[in-house]
Amino acid sequence: MDAILFYVFAAIAVASAIVVIGQRNPMYSAFALIVTLCSMSVIFALLGSPFIAVLQVIVYAGAIMVLFLFVLML
């Protein structure tokens, strides 16, 4: 079951990373980057590193992406 979840979230991470690069609208690109970071967090949790998983969500998907979205809104 862990292997199936790993491959599912890895596919989501790769697909959303491609959307980040290929999207012309910066807001959609930022939201796709949030999906990428959250799926990477799930992958870290599946690999047995819960601290890095929580840190990934709090620091990158939370703080950095909020600042990035504020800059885009300005």
Protein backbone atom coordinates (compact mmCIF):
# COMPACT_ATOMS: atom_id res chain seq x y z
CA MET A 1 0.00 0.00 0.00
CA ASP A 2 2.88 2.38 0.77
CA ALA A 3 4.39 1.80 -2.65
CA ILE A 4 1.11 2.59 -4.38
CA LEU A 5 0.69 5.83 -2.41
CA PHE A 6 4.30 6.75 -3.12
CA TYR A 7 3.85 6.35 -6.87
CA VAL A 8 0.52 8.20 -6.86
CA PHE A 9 1.92 11.22 -5.02
CA ALA A 10 5.12 11.12 -7.10
CA ALA A 11 2.99 11.29 -10.25
CA ILE A 12 1.00 14.19 -8.77
CA ALA A 13 4.24 15.99 -7.90
CA VAL A 14 5.67 15.57 -11.39
CA ALA A 15 2.42 16.58 -13.09
CA SER A 16 1.98 19.69 -10.97
CA ALA A 17 5.65 20.63 -11.45
CA ILE A 18 5.09 20.49 -15.21
CA VAL A 19 2.05 22.75 -14.75
CA VAL A 20 4.21 25.19 -12.76
CA ILE A 21 6.63 25.47 -15.66
CA GLY A 22 4.08 25.47 -18.47
CA GLN A 23 1.42 27.76 -17.03
CA ARG A 24 1.24 31.31 -18.37
CA ASN A 25 -0.86 32.67 -15.49
CA PRO A 26 1.39 33.21 -12.43
CA MET A 27 -1.47 32.62 -9.97
CA TYR A 28 -2.20 29.17 -11.37
CA SER A 29 1.50 28.47 -11.37
CA ALA A 30 1.73 29.40 -7.68
CA PHE A 31 -1.20 27.14 -6.79
CA ALA A 32 0.37 24.29 -8.73
CA LEU A 33 3.59 24.87 -6.78
CA ILE A 34 1.61 24.52 -3.54
CA VAL A 35 0.27 21.18 -4.80
CA THR A 36 3.82 20.11 -5.65
CA LEU A 37 5.12 21.04 -2.20
CA CYS A 38 2.25 19.27 -0.42
CA SER A 39 2.70 16.10 -2.45
CA MET A 40 6.41 16.19 -1.65
CA SER A 41 5.46 16.44 2.01
CA VAL A 42 3.35 13.29 1.71
CA ILE A 43 6.26 11.51 0.05
CA PHE A 44 8.55 12.52 2.92
CA ALA A 45 5.98 11.21 5.40
CA LEU A 46 5.72 7.91 3.54
CA LEU A 47 9.50 7.56 3.63
CA GLY A 48 9.45 7.78 7.42
CA SER A 49 10.50 11.39 7.97
CA PRO A 50 7.56 13.13 9.64
CA PHE A 51 9.60 16.14 10.82
CA ILE A 52 10.69 17.05 7.30
CA ALA A 53 7.13 16.48 6.06
CA VAL A 54 5.65 18.90 8.58
CA LEU A 55 8.48 21.37 8.02
CA GLN A 56 7.83 21.24 4.27
CA VAL A 57 4.19 22.19 4.74
CA ILE A 58 4.73 24.86 7.38
CA VAL A 59 7.76 26.62 5.91
CA TYR A 60 7.44 26.22 2.17
CA ALA A 61 3.75 25.69 1.43
CA GLY A 62 2.71 27.98 4.25
CA ALA A 63 5.08 30.89 4.66
CA ILE A 64 7.03 31.12 1.42
CA MET A 65 4.03 30.60 -0.85
CA VAL A 66 1.94 33.16 1.06
CA LEU A 67 4.69 35.72 0.55
CA PHE A 68 4.92 34.76 -3.12
CA LEU A 69 1.16 35.19 -3.54
CA PHE A 70 1.27 38.58 -1.83
CA VAL A 71 3.94 39.71 -4.29
CA LEU A 72 1.84 38.47 -7.21
CA MET A 73 -1.23 40.29 -5.93
CA LEU A 74 0.67 43.57 -5.65
